[in-house]
Amino acid sequence: MKVIYHDHSWVLMTKGRSKSKVIKDKILDIELHKLVAIEETWKLACKMLDHKHDLPQGEET
């Protein structure tokens, strides 16, 4: 097992070297949250990466 990311309340781990799409999407979500991405950044990143993601709570579309 390999720790990919950890926070005070949870740990994201993967088994082996390959990462599933779900794990890759979760990593992208974590990175965008760490960047405190504004709504326009979320939309652009998701469009460029063909990634569906709900905006953070409190953000409007």
Protein backbone atom coordinates (compact mmCIF):
# COMPACT_ATOMS: atom_id res chain seq x y z
CA MET A 1 0.00 0.00 0.00
CA LYS A 2 1.14 3.52 -0.74
CA VAL A 3 -0.16 6.65 0.97
CA ILE A 4 -1.13 9.16 -1.69
CA TYR A 5 -2.51 11.91 0.53
CA HIS A 6 -3.45 12.31 4.15
CA ASP A 7 -5.32 14.87 6.16
CA HIS A 8 -6.09 15.15 9.84
CA SER A 9 -9.18 12.96 9.41
CA TRP A 10 -8.43 10.53 6.55
CA VAL A 11 -5.79 8.84 4.41
CA LEU A 12 -5.98 8.07 0.66
CA MET A 13 -4.04 4.90 -0.19
CA THR A 14 -3.51 2.83 -3.32
CA LYS A 15 -2.31 -0.72 -3.81
CA GLY A 16 0.32 -1.26 -6.49
CA ARG A 17 1.70 1.22 -8.98
CA SER A 18 -1.33 1.77 -11.21
CA LYS A 19 -4.01 4.21 -10.19
CA SER A 20 -7.64 3.77 -11.16
CA LYS A 21 -9.65 6.61 -12.72
CA VAL A 22 -11.50 7.02 -9.41
CA ILE A 23 -8.25 7.51 -7.52
CA LYS A 24 -6.89 9.86 -10.19
CA ASP A 25 -10.10 11.91 -9.96
CA LYS A 26 -9.83 12.04 -6.16
CA ILE A 27 -6.22 13.22 -6.43
CA LEU A 28 -7.31 15.95 -8.86
CA ASP A 29 -10.05 17.03 -6.43
CA ILE A 30 -7.51 17.20 -3.60
CA GLU A 31 -5.08 19.26 -5.67
CA LEU A 32 -7.79 21.71 -6.75
CA HIS A 33 -8.92 22.10 -3.12
CA LYS A 34 -5.31 22.67 -2.03
CA LEU A 35 -5.04 25.44 -4.62
CA VAL A 36 -8.24 27.03 -3.25
CA ALA A 37 -9.41 27.15 -6.82
CA ILE A 38 -11.96 29.78 -7.76
CA GLU A 39 -15.03 28.83 -9.78
CA GLU A 40 -13.44 29.76 -13.13
CA THR A 41 -10.36 27.67 -12.33
CA TRP A 42 -12.55 24.65 -11.46
CA LYS A 43 -14.48 24.96 -14.72
CA LEU A 44 -11.34 25.35 -16.83
CA ALA A 45 -9.46 22.49 -15.15
CA CYS A 46 -12.44 20.15 -15.35
CA LYS A 47 -13.04 21.02 -19.01
CA MET A 48 -9.38 20.53 -19.93
CA LEU A 49 -9.19 17.20 -18.12
CA ASP A 50 -12.68 16.01 -19.13
CA HIS A 51 -13.43 15.67 -15.43
CA LYS A 52 -16.85 15.97 -13.83
CA HIS A 53 -16.71 17.65 -10.44
CA ASP A 54 -19.15 19.53 -8.30
CA LEU A 55 -17.98 22.95 -7.18
CA PRO A 56 -17.00 23.30 -3.52
CA GLN A 57 -19.86 24.04 -1.15
CA GLY A 58 -20.77 27.68 -1.17
CA GLU A 59 -19.72 28.14 -4.80
CA GLU A 60 -22.37 28.70 -7.41
CA THR A 61 -22.34 27.66 -11.05
